[in-house]
Amino acid sequence: MKSMTGLALVCLAAPLLIAAVVLPQWQQQISDQLKTEQNCEVKNFSKTRLGIKNGKESIEARVICSDSRVFQASRQGPKSEPFVLKECKDSAC
């Protein structure tokens, strides 16, 4: 019975581990950049737009930190470029 309990815990935890690993590369880049530059633990992404502008890959997203701060993240160009981060204060961004 003891081994069955361990197996059940592994089965229950597996989806959580998979969900944490499957984060799209651009979201991981924003999360890492915000943690380093703004001490922000990302809670949620919203209003994301992915597309092509002027022949370049374009990504825009609103990011909510665990401390309730909100940032607008955007990048137009190669994946090696950092995102432009703008904190949304009282005004909408």
C-alpha atoms as a PDB file:
ATOM      1  CA  MET A   1       0.000   0.000   0.000  1.00  0.00           C
ATOM      2  CA  LYS A   2       2.893   2.343   0.737  1.00  0.00           C
ATOM      3  CA  SER A   3       4.169   2.145  -2.858  1.00  0.00           C
ATOM      4  CA  MET A   4       0.699   2.880  -4.209  1.00  0.00           C
ATOM      5  CA  THR A   5       0.554   6.111  -2.201  1.00  0.00           C
ATOM      6  CA  GLY A   6       3.894   7.219  -3.644  1.00  0.00           C
ATOM      7  CA  LEU A   7       2.699   6.380  -7.146  1.00  0.00           C
ATOM      8  CA  ALA A   8      -0.507   8.339  -6.612  1.00  0.00           C
ATOM      9  CA  LEU A   9       1.460  11.405  -5.488  1.00  0.00           C
ATOM     10  CA  VAL A  10       3.699  11.197  -8.553  1.00  0.00           C
ATOM     11  CA  CYS A  11       0.662  10.921 -10.827  1.00  0.00           C
ATOM     12  CA  LEU A  12      -1.011  13.905  -9.184  1.00  0.00           C
ATOM     13  CA  ALA A  13       2.134  16.048  -9.328  1.00  0.00           C
ATOM     14  CA  ALA A  14       3.051  15.172 -12.930  1.00  0.00           C
ATOM     15  CA  PRO A  15       0.565  17.573 -14.604  1.00  0.00           C
ATOM     16  CA  LEU A  16       1.868  20.448 -12.452  1.00  0.00           C
ATOM     17  CA  LEU A  17       5.440  19.738 -13.484  1.00  0.00           C
ATOM     18  CA  ILE A  18       4.513  19.498 -17.150  1.00  0.00           C
ATOM     19  CA  ALA A  19       2.553  22.767 -17.011  1.00  0.00           C
ATOM     20  CA  ALA A  20       5.555  24.590 -15.549  1.00  0.00           C
ATOM     21  CA  VAL A  21       7.863  23.298 -18.291  1.00  0.00           C
ATOM     22  CA  VAL A  22       5.630  24.061 -21.283  1.00  0.00           C
ATOM     23  CA  LEU A  23       5.780  27.870 -20.938  1.00  0.00           C
ATOM     24  CA  PRO A  24       6.350  29.428 -24.387  1.00  0.00           C
ATOM     25  CA  GLN A  25       9.873  30.787 -24.876  1.00  0.00           C
ATOM     26  CA  TRP A  26       8.756  34.419 -25.156  1.00  0.00           C
ATOM     27  CA  GLN A  27       6.793  34.200 -21.892  1.00  0.00           C
ATOM     28  CA  GLN A  28       9.822  32.709 -20.155  1.00  0.00           C
ATOM     29  CA  GLN A  29      11.997  35.522 -21.537  1.00  0.00           C
ATOM     30  CA  ILE A  30       9.596  38.168 -20.215  1.00  0.00           C
ATOM     31  CA  SER A  31       9.372  36.418 -16.838  1.00  0.00           C
ATOM     32  CA  ASP A  32      13.157  36.235 -16.527  1.00  0.00           C
ATOM     33  CA  GLN A  33      13.639  39.841 -17.634  1.00  0.00           C
ATOM     34  CA  LEU A  34      10.998  41.179 -15.221  1.00  0.00           C
ATOM     35  CA  LYS A  35      12.434  39.184 -12.337  1.00  0.00           C
ATOM     36  CA  THR A  36      15.932  40.547 -13.015  1.00  0.00           C
ATOM     37  CA  GLU A  37      15.068  44.146 -13.869  1.00  0.00           C
ATOM     38  CA  GLN A  38      11.956  44.832 -11.783  1.00  0.00           C
ATOM     39  CA  ASN A  39      11.929  42.168  -9.046  1.00  0.00           C
ATOM     40  CA  CYS A  40       8.587  40.967 -10.412  1.00  0.00           C
ATOM     41  CA  GLU A  41       7.288  37.421 -10.046  1.00  0.00           C
ATOM     42  CA  VAL A  42       4.911  36.981 -12.981  1.00  0.00           C
ATOM     43  CA  LYS A  43       1.429  35.924 -11.942  1.00  0.00           C
ATOM     44  CA  ASN A  44      -0.407  36.202 -15.246  1.00  0.00           C
ATOM     45  CA  PHE A  45      -0.161  37.233 -18.898  1.00  0.00           C
ATOM     46  CA  SER A  46      -3.075  38.994 -20.582  1.00  0.00           C
ATOM     47  CA  LYS A  47      -3.880  40.867 -23.775  1.00  0.00           C
ATOM     48  CA  THR A  48      -1.185  39.072 -25.718  1.00  0.00           C
ATOM     49  CA  ARG A  49      -0.670  39.805 -29.408  1.00  0.00           C
ATOM     50  CA  LEU A  50       1.667  37.798 -31.603  1.00  0.00           C
ATOM     51  CA  GLY A  51       2.182  38.691 -35.219  1.00  0.00           C
ATOM     52  CA  ILE A  52       4.336  40.259 -37.918  1.00  0.00           C
ATOM     53  CA  LYS A  53       4.910  44.039 -38.202  1.00  0.00           C
ATOM     54  CA  ASN A  54       7.036  45.472 -40.980  1.00  0.00           C
ATOM     55  CA  GLY A  55       8.293  41.967 -41.763  1.00  0.00           C
ATOM     56  CA  LYS A  56       9.486  41.357 -38.189  1.00  0.00           C
ATOM     57  CA  GLU A  57       8.086  39.122 -35.454  1.00  0.00           C
ATOM     58  CA  SER A  58       6.096  41.243 -33.004  1.00  0.00           C
ATOM     59  CA  ILE A  59       5.044  40.305 -29.474  1.00  0.00           C
ATOM     60  CA  GLU A  60       3.018  42.439 -27.064  1.00  0.00           C
ATOM     61  CA  ALA A  61       1.628  41.378 -23.704  1.00  0.00           C
ATOM     62  CA  ARG A  62       0.330  42.817 -20.486  1.00  0.00           C
ATOM     63  CA  VAL A  63       1.965  41.153 -17.500  1.00  0.00           C
ATOM     64  CA  ILE A  64       0.636  41.090 -13.945  1.00  0.00           C
ATOM     65  CA  CYS A  65       3.117  40.595 -11.103  1.00  0.00           C
ATOM     66  CA  SER A  66       2.327  38.767  -7.869  1.00  0.00           C
ATOM     67  CA  ASP A  67       2.541  42.135  -6.035  1.00  0.00           C
ATOM     68  CA  SER A  68      -0.188  43.559  -8.360  1.00  0.00           C
ATOM     69  CA  ARG A  69       2.104  45.750 -10.489  1.00  0.00           C
ATOM     70  CA  VAL A  70       1.297  45.652 -14.199  1.00  0.00           C
ATOM     71  CA  PHE A  71       3.753  45.947 -17.094  1.00  0.00           C
ATOM     72  CA  GLN A  72       3.399  46.211 -20.845  1.00  0.00           C
ATOM     73  CA  ALA A  73       6.043  44.089 -22.571  1.00  0.00           C
ATOM     74  CA  SER A  74       6.780  44.424 -26.277  1.00  0.00           C
ATOM     75  CA  ARG A  75       9.373  43.325 -28.778  1.00  0.00           C
ATOM     76  CA  GLN A  76       9.603  43.707 -32.520  1.00  0.00           C
ATOM     77  CA  GLY A  77      12.489  41.793 -33.971  1.00  0.00           C
ATOM     78  CA  PRO A  78      14.731  38.838 -33.215  1.00  0.00           C
ATOM     79  CA  LYS A  79      14.312  36.588 -30.183  1.00  0.00           C
ATOM     80  CA  SER A  80      17.759  37.613 -28.995  1.00  0.00           C
ATOM     81  CA  GLU A  81      16.556  41.189 -28.368  1.00  0.00           C
ATOM     82  CA  PRO A  82      15.250  42.064 -24.887  1.00  0.00           C
ATOM     83  CA  PHE A  83      11.659  43.137 -24.399  1.00  0.00           C
ATOM     84  CA  VAL A  84      10.765  46.783 -23.848  1.00  0.00           C
ATOM     85  CA  LEU A  85       9.093  46.917 -20.439  1.00  0.00           C
ATOM     86  CA  LYS A  86       6.799  49.766 -19.419  1.00  0.00           C
ATOM     87  CA  GLU A  87       5.163  49.855 -16.011  1.00  0.00           C
ATOM     88  CA  CYS A  88       1.480  50.690 -16.152  1.00  0.00           C
ATOM     89  CA  LYS A  89       0.857  53.180 -13.379  1.00  0.00           C
ATOM     90  CA  ASP A  90      -2.438  55.057 -13.064  1.00  0.00           C
ATOM     91  CA  SER A  91      -2.878  55.316 -16.823  1.00  0.00           C
ATOM     92  CA  ALA A  92      -3.864  52.487 -19.100  1.00  0.00           C
ATOM     93  CA  CYS A  93      -1.091  51.024 -21.163  1.00  0.00           C
END
